[in-house]
């Protein structure tokens, strides 16, 4: 059997690994404040964003997309997968 993903609109941004990323959305800042998102190797080239999910802790590297799903859940996505799966929505 084959299945097609239902069209849904999600929130996402590309994480640069910079602590002062200008385009970081409010929802990721709230998740950081709540401790759902935290970082390892802060200030180093190999900084990693850690995201607490229902499936456990997921890691995001520089250049990965961070997605907020339809129920507010957060998870990382590699750029190649993101670009094959999603397209930008313009209002």
Foldseek 3Di string as FASTA:
>chain_A
DDDDDDDDDWDKDAAQLDPPPPPDDPLVVVCVVVVQWDWPPPPDQFIWIWGQFPVGIDIDTGGWMWIQDPVRGIDTHHPVVCVVRDDDDDD
